Amino acid sequence: MIGKGSSPRGEHRSSALWGTGNRGGDSRSNALWGKGGRGLVTALVAVLVVAAPLAAGAPKQKGGELKFAPRTYIDPILLAKASSQPESLVGVIIQADSGAGSAKRAFRTAEAVEGIASGRSERVTRKLKLVNGIAAELKAERINYLATVPGLTVTYDSTVNLSGTVTPTSKHVWPTASGVRPMWANLPASGQSVPTIAIVDSGIEKNRPDFDTGGRVTGEVVITKLESNSSGDGRGHGTFVAGIAAGSAVDQAGAAPQANIVSLDVMDDRGMARTSDVIAAAQWIYENRQSKNIKVANFSLHSTTPSNFTKDPLDKAVEKLWFVGVTVVVAA
């Protein structure tokens, strides 16, 4: 199924994307994929970022005794929003060591410092006396001021889901055998999102329970120029692969059921693709990896002609993805 090329020296190599070479003589495979003769293990790489709390306040001299102002904590997700989306409205919960009144005054002072006119949508939405705080909506850039006020705890007023509907389930053995099942409950730290998986294949039939009826398919790009290519997935292979990677249907969960998916259609309905189209898909991933948060690219494909990995442009393309931090998963 996987063709191998020969060099004048008798070296037998295959493309790093399509497979590895035999071990005899000078045979070897690309260092990117590992030693010759070893298959690749398909896995999802979860990226977890732990953010440290922000401390505010400086020592103060009072009556000859050195005292420290109360520390202020700002939720990392709010710091991220203040930096990346300063003009956006965010829901926050402001708690104050000295009571809900102080929390409200800190919110009002933030408005005054920024010169906010009355009638804006920034507002206190609820008093939370039980926790000495308030709930409010304000522009993300105000977080930078609240970080300077001693004695506050400012957290994101995040949405809450029913716990009974979150845990993925599967009636199959492979999630346990592959070790992915224990990771289903692991989510990234506040302010981070689950990495997106790019599926380079025949497209995806997205309106299925596997993909939250399309809710987690954040991009669809048709790259193939071959005729007889239906919209969506006319072959079925891409949907199958995407389901294994990130399906979330009841009892049919994939490796990463919370991950978003980007579909890059490089195949026609017969399951044929051109190498140039697959390279174009790699180029699209390279150019859009940051905006789409793509951390994994899946190529469940194999070549029909021999190639030399030192000359193969497709090998160069996927190596460039690897070098910028995208985990490349290929058919073994």
Protein backbone atom coordinates (compact mmCIF):
# COMPACT_ATOMS: atom_id res chain seq x y z
CA MET A 1 0.00 0.00 0.00
CA ILE A 2 2.93 2.33 0.73
CA GLY A 3 5.38 2.75 -2.11
CA LYS A 4 9.11 3.00 -1.47
CA GLY A 5 11.77 4.67 -3.56
CA SER A 6 15.35 3.58 -4.24
CA SER A 7 18.45 5.69 -4.42
CA PRO A 8 21.65 4.92 -6.37
CA ARG A 9 23.29 3.85 -3.09
CA GLY A 10 20.63 1.25 -2.45
CA GLU A 11 18.88 3.27 0.21
CA HIS A 12 15.21 2.46 0.50
CA ARG A 13 13.15 5.30 1.85
CA SER A 14 9.58 6.38 1.76
CA SER A 15 8.07 9.76 2.40
CA ALA A 16 8.03 10.76 6.06
CA LEU A 17 4.36 11.53 5.67
CA TRP A 18 3.42 8.23 4.05
CA GLY A 19 5.55 5.74 5.95
CA THR A 20 9.01 4.68 7.07
CA GLY A 21 11.82 2.82 5.36
CA ASN A 22 13.25 -0.66 6.00
CA ARG A 23 16.08 -1.05 8.47
CA GLY A 24 18.62 -2.81 6.26
CA GLY A 25 21.82 -1.06 5.22
CA ASP A 26 21.48 2.70 5.01
CA SER A 27 17.72 2.58 5.22
CA ARG A 28 16.21 5.03 7.64
CA SER A 29 13.22 7.27 8.03
CA ASN A 30 12.95 10.97 8.64
CA ALA A 31 14.00 11.99 12.14
CA LEU A 32 10.72 13.84 12.46
CA TRP A 33 8.77 10.61 12.57
CA GLY A 34 11.23 8.39 14.45
CA LYS A 35 13.29 5.32 13.68
CA GLY A 36 12.60 3.17 10.65
CA GLY A 37 10.16 0.33 11.08
CA ARG A 38 8.20 1.91 13.91
CA GLY A 39 4.58 2.88 13.44
CA LEU A 40 3.14 6.14 14.66
CA VAL A 41 0.83 6.23 17.62
CA THR A 42 -2.13 8.52 17.05
CA ALA A 43 -2.73 10.71 20.10
CA LEU A 44 -4.10 14.08 21.06
CA VAL A 45 -1.76 16.53 22.74
CA ALA A 46 -3.58 18.52 25.43
CA VAL A 47 -2.08 21.91 26.19
CA LEU A 48 -2.61 23.07 29.75
CA VAL A 49 -1.46 26.51 30.86
CA VAL A 50 -1.28 27.30 34.53
CA ALA A 51 -1.53 31.00 35.29
CA ALA A 52 -0.32 32.50 38.53
CA PRO A 53 -2.55 34.89 40.49
CA LEU A 54 -1.82 38.58 40.21
CA ALA A 55 -0.81 40.24 43.45
CA ALA A 56 -1.51 43.93 44.00
CA GLY A 57 -0.55 46.17 46.85
CA ALA A 58 2.65 47.43 48.37
CA PRO A 59 3.98 47.62 51.92
CA LYS A 60 2.71 50.62 53.90
CA GLN A 61 4.23 52.29 56.95
CA LYS A 62 1.72 52.85 59.75
CA GLY A 63 2.62 53.86 63.29
CA GLY A 64 6.18 52.73 62.87
CA GLU A 65 5.04 49.25 61.78
CA LEU A 66 5.46 47.95 58.27
CA LYS A 67 2.19 46.49 56.94
CA PHE A 68 1.18 45.06 53.59
CA ALA A 69 -1.95 46.01 51.67
CA PRO A 70 -4.34 43.09 51.06
CA ARG A 71 -3.49 41.12 47.95
CA THR A 72 -5.74 41.29 44.89
CA TYR A 73 -6.47 38.30 42.68
CA ILE A 74 -7.51 38.64 39.03
CA ASP A 75 -8.80 35.60 37.12
CA PRO A 76 -6.32 34.76 34.31
CA ILE A 77 -9.14 34.60 31.75
CA LEU A 78 -9.96 38.25 32.50
CA LEU A 79 -6.33 39.29 32.15
CA ALA A 80 -6.30 37.54 28.77
CA LYS A 81 -9.46 39.34 27.67
CA ALA A 82 -8.12 42.71 28.88
CA SER A 83 -5.10 42.18 26.66
CA SER A 84 -6.74 40.66 23.57
CA GLN A 85 -10.26 42.17 23.62
CA PRO A 86 -10.06 45.40 25.67
CA GLU A 87 -13.26 46.90 24.22
CA SER A 88 -15.43 43.81 24.77
CA LEU A 89 -17.95 43.54 27.59
CA VAL A 90 -17.22 40.82 30.12
CA GLY A 91 -19.18 39.51 33.07
CA VAL A 92 -17.24 39.63 36.33
CA ILE A 93 -17.74 38.90 40.00
CA ILE A 94 -15.94 41.38 42.23
CA GLN A 95 -15.40 40.38 45.87
CA ALA A 96 -13.88 42.72 48.42
CA ASP A 97 -12.29 41.85 51.74
CA SER A 98 -14.12 44.78 53.34
CA GLY A 99 -17.58 43.93 51.97
CA ALA A 100 -19.90 44.29 49.02
CA GLY A 101 -19.93 48.08 49.34
CA SER A 102 -16.21 48.23 48.68
CA ALA A 103 -16.64 45.97 45.67
CA LYS A 104 -19.25 48.31 44.23
CA ARG A 105 -17.08 51.37 44.89
CA ALA A 106 -14.18 49.71 43.08
CA PHE A 107 -16.42 49.14 40.08
CA ARG A 108 -17.65 52.78 40.11
CA THR A 109 -14.10 54.07 40.48
CA ALA A 110 -13.03 52.02 37.49
CA GLU A 111 -15.74 53.77 35.47
CA ALA A 112 -14.61 57.18 36.69
CA VAL A 113 -10.94 56.52 36.02
CA GLU A 114 -11.72 55.54 32.46
CA GLY A 115 -14.08 58.48 31.96
CA ILE A 116 -17.19 56.44 31.24
CA ALA A 117 -20.31 58.43 30.46
CA SER A 118 -23.61 57.49 32.08
CA GLY A 119 -25.99 55.32 30.11
CA ARG A 120 -23.33 52.89 28.93
CA SER A 121 -24.06 49.17 29.09
CA GLU A 122 -21.45 48.68 31.81
CA ARG A 123 -23.42 48.08 34.99
CA VAL A 124 -23.78 46.23 38.25
CA THR A 125 -26.10 43.30 37.57
CA ARG A 126 -26.47 41.76 41.02
CA LYS A 127 -25.46 42.22 44.66
CA LEU A 128 -23.84 39.14 46.14
CA LYS A 129 -23.77 39.84 49.88
CA LEU A 130 -23.13 36.19 50.68
CA VAL A 131 -19.64 36.50 49.21
CA ASN A 132 -19.09 40.22 49.95
CA GLY A 133 -19.30 41.10 46.30
CA ILE A 134 -21.21 42.12 43.22
CA ALA A 135 -21.74 40.81 39.72
CA ALA A 136 -21.12 43.34 36.97
CA GLU A 137 -20.57 43.82 33.26
CA LEU A 138 -17.73 46.06 32.20
CA LYS A 139 -15.25 46.60 29.42
CA ALA A 140 -12.35 44.20 29.62
CA GLU A 141 -9.81 47.02 29.77
CA ARG A 142 -11.18 48.03 33.23
CA ILE A 143 -9.63 44.87 34.61
CA ASN A 144 -6.25 46.58 34.51
CA TYR A 145 -7.49 49.21 36.96
CA LEU A 146 -9.17 46.71 39.29
CA ALA A 147 -5.85 44.87 39.49
CA THR A 148 -4.38 47.91 41.27
CA VAL A 149 -7.08 48.06 43.98
CA PRO A 150 -5.97 46.17 47.13
CA GLY A 151 -8.17 43.52 48.68
CA LEU A 152 -10.23 42.44 45.64
CA THR A 153 -10.92 39.05 44.12
CA VAL A 154 -12.11 39.48 40.54
CA THR A 155 -13.29 36.37 38.71
CA TYR A 156 -15.01 35.61 35.42
CA ASP A 157 -18.81 35.24 35.61
CA SER A 158 -18.69 32.11 33.49
CA THR A 159 -21.55 29.99 32.24
CA VAL A 160 -22.48 26.84 34.15
CA ASN A 161 -23.66 23.61 32.49
CA LEU A 162 -25.57 20.64 33.82
CA SER A 163 -22.95 18.16 34.99
CA GLY A 164 -24.95 15.18 33.76
CA THR A 165 -24.60 16.17 30.10
CA VAL A 166 -20.88 16.98 30.03
CA THR A 167 -19.10 13.66 30.50
CA PRO A 168 -18.54 11.88 27.16
CA THR A 169 -19.40 8.18 26.95
CA SER A 170 -18.38 5.31 24.72
CA LYS A 171 -19.43 1.69 24.40
CA HIS A 172 -16.20 0.84 22.60
CA VAL A 173 -12.95 -0.60 23.96
CA TRP A 174 -10.46 1.54 22.04
CA PRO A 175 -10.74 4.71 24.20
CA THR A 176 -9.66 2.67 27.22
CA ALA A 177 -6.98 0.70 25.34
CA SER A 178 -5.46 3.85 23.88
CA GLY A 179 -5.53 5.69 27.21
CA VAL A 180 -7.63 8.66 26.09
CA ARG A 181 -10.70 7.95 28.24
CA PRO A 182 -9.17 9.35 31.49
CA MET A 183 -8.37 12.60 29.67
CA TRP A 184 -11.98 13.34 28.70
CA ALA A 185 -12.53 15.16 31.98
CA ASN A 186 -9.41 17.30 31.62
CA LEU A 187 -10.00 20.82 30.34
CA PRO A 188 -7.44 23.62 29.91
CA ALA A 189 -6.93 26.21 32.61
CA SER A 190 -8.98 29.40 32.67
CA GLY A 191 -8.49 31.59 29.63
CA GLN A 192 -7.36 28.74 27.40
CA SER A 193 -9.31 26.69 24.89
CA VAL A 194 -9.11 23.07 23.77
CA PRO A 195 -6.80 22.81 20.73
CA THR A 196 -8.45 22.57 17.32
CA ILE A 197 -7.84 19.51 15.13
CA ALA A 198 -7.45 19.99 11.35
CA ILE A 199 -8.76 17.00 9.38
CA VAL A 200 -7.17 16.82 5.90
CA ASP A 201 -9.41 14.33 4.16
CA SER A 202 -12.60 14.03 2.10
CA GLY A 203 -14.56 16.66 4.05
CA ILE A 204 -16.91 16.25 7.02
CA GLU A 205 -20.64 15.72 7.25
CA LYS A 206 -20.85 18.17 10.12
CA ASN A 207 -24.57 18.19 10.95
CA ARG A 208 -24.35 15.09 13.10
CA PRO A 209 -24.51 14.52 16.88
CA ASP A 210 -20.83 13.54 16.67
CA PHE A 211 -19.92 17.20 16.13
CA ASP A 212 -22.67 18.92 18.17
CA THR A 213 -24.66 19.28 14.91
CA GLY A 214 -21.89 21.39 13.44
CA GLY A 215 -21.24 23.51 16.51
CA ARG A 216 -17.64 22.34 16.84
CA VAL A 217 -16.78 22.43 13.12
CA THR A 218 -15.28 25.92 13.05
CA GLY A 219 -14.03 25.87 9.48
CA GLU A 220 -14.70 24.13 6.15
CA VAL A 221 -12.29 24.62 3.26
CA VAL A 222 -12.67 22.89 -0.13
CA ILE A 223 -9.23 22.60 -1.68
CA THR A 224 -9.53 19.81 -4.23
CA LYS A 225 -9.96 20.88 -7.85
CA LEU A 226 -10.96 17.40 -9.00
CA GLU A 227 -14.46 17.02 -10.35
CA SER A 228 -17.07 14.72 -8.82
CA ASN A 229 -16.58 16.23 -5.39
CA SER A 230 -19.80 16.59 -3.41
CA SER A 231 -20.35 19.25 -0.77
CA GLY A 232 -19.72 18.08 2.76
CA ASP A 233 -18.29 14.55 2.62
CA GLY A 234 -19.14 12.58 -0.51
CA ARG A 235 -16.75 9.77 0.41
CA GLY A 236 -17.45 9.32 4.12
CA HIS A 237 -13.84 8.83 5.15
CA GLY A 238 -13.31 12.31 6.57
CA THR A 239 -16.41 12.03 8.76
CA PHE A 240 -15.18 8.65 10.01
CA VAL A 241 -11.74 10.06 10.87
CA ALA A 242 -13.15 13.21 12.51
CA GLY A 243 -15.45 11.05 14.64
CA ILE A 244 -12.48 9.05 15.95
CA ALA A 245 -10.54 12.24 16.62
CA ALA A 246 -13.27 14.38 18.18
CA GLY A 247 -16.70 12.74 18.07
CA SER A 248 -19.07 13.45 20.97
CA ALA A 249 -22.24 11.47 20.19
CA VAL A 250 -23.74 9.41 23.04
CA ASP A 251 -21.68 6.22 23.53
CA GLN A 252 -19.55 7.16 20.49
CA ALA A 253 -17.04 9.64 21.96
CA GLY A 254 -13.75 10.14 20.14
CA ALA A 255 -10.28 10.90 21.48
CA ALA A 256 -10.98 14.58 22.19
CA PRO A 257 -14.76 15.13 22.35
CA GLN A 258 -14.42 18.79 23.38
CA ALA A 259 -12.08 19.79 20.56
CA ASN A 260 -13.11 22.00 17.66
CA ILE A 261 -12.52 20.71 14.15
CA VAL A 262 -11.48 22.31 10.86
CA SER A 263 -12.26 20.34 7.70
CA LEU A 264 -9.93 20.61 4.70
CA ASP A 265 -11.43 18.72 1.75
CA VAL A 266 -8.63 17.48 -0.52
CA MET A 267 -10.34 14.35 -1.93
CA ASP A 268 -13.06 13.76 -4.47
CA ASP A 269 -15.91 11.29 -3.98
CA ARG A 270 -13.70 8.41 -5.23
CA GLY A 271 -11.17 9.05 -2.47
CA MET A 272 -8.52 10.49 -4.78
CA ALA A 273 -6.42 13.58 -4.08
CA ARG A 274 -3.51 15.38 -5.69
CA THR A 275 -0.30 15.88 -3.74
CA SER A 276 -0.43 19.59 -4.57
CA ASP A 277 -3.87 19.84 -2.95
CA VAL A 278 -2.59 18.18 0.23
CA ILE A 279 0.32 20.63 0.28
CA ALA A 280 -2.15 23.47 -0.17
CA ALA A 281 -4.04 22.15 2.86
CA ALA A 282 -0.82 22.17 4.88
CA GLN A 283 -0.22 25.75 3.71
CA TRP A 284 -3.72 26.76 4.86
CA ILE A 285 -3.11 25.22 8.27
CA TYR A 286 0.24 27.02 8.52
CA GLU A 287 -1.33 30.39 7.71
CA ASN A 288 -4.40 29.96 9.91
CA ARG A 289 -3.05 27.94 12.83
CA GLN A 290 -3.10 30.83 15.28
CA SER A 291 -6.49 32.32 14.41
CA LYS A 292 -8.07 28.84 14.46
CA ASN A 293 -6.00 27.57 17.44
CA ILE A 294 -4.91 24.52 15.40
CA LYS A 295 -2.53 22.33 17.40
CA VAL A 296 -3.11 18.98 15.66
CA ALA A 297 -3.26 18.14 11.93
CA ASN A 298 -4.45 14.70 10.82
CA PHE A 299 -3.47 13.21 7.44
CA SER A 300 -5.02 9.74 7.13
CA LEU A 301 -3.66 9.31 3.58
CA HIS A 302 -1.10 7.27 1.70
CA SER A 303 0.85 7.88 -1.51
CA THR A 304 0.44 5.82 -4.68
CA THR A 305 3.92 6.56 -6.08
CA PRO A 306 7.45 6.19 -4.65
CA SER A 307 9.16 9.31 -3.32
CA ASN A 308 12.39 10.38 -1.67
CA PHE A 309 11.90 12.15 1.61
CA THR A 310 14.81 14.52 0.98
CA LYS A 311 13.09 15.80 -2.18
CA ASP A 312 9.39 15.32 -1.43
CA PRO A 313 7.65 18.73 -1.19
CA LEU A 314 4.83 17.26 0.89
CA ASP A 315 7.36 16.06 3.44
CA LYS A 316 8.76 19.58 3.63
CA ALA A 317 5.25 20.98 4.06
CA VAL A 318 4.33 18.83 7.04
CA GLU A 319 7.74 19.35 8.62
CA LYS A 320 7.12 23.09 8.57
CA LEU A 321 3.88 22.48 10.45
CA TRP A 322 5.78 20.44 13.01
CA PHE A 323 8.42 23.12 13.46
CA VAL A 324 5.81 25.79 14.31
CA GLY A 325 4.20 23.65 16.97
CA VAL A 326 1.49 21.70 15.13
CA THR A 327 1.44 18.01 16.01
CA VAL A 328 1.20 16.09 12.73
CA VAL A 329 -0.61 12.74 12.87
CA VAL A 330 -0.38 10.43 9.85
CA ALA A 331 -1.55 6.97 8.83
CA ALA A 332 0.95 4.31 9.88
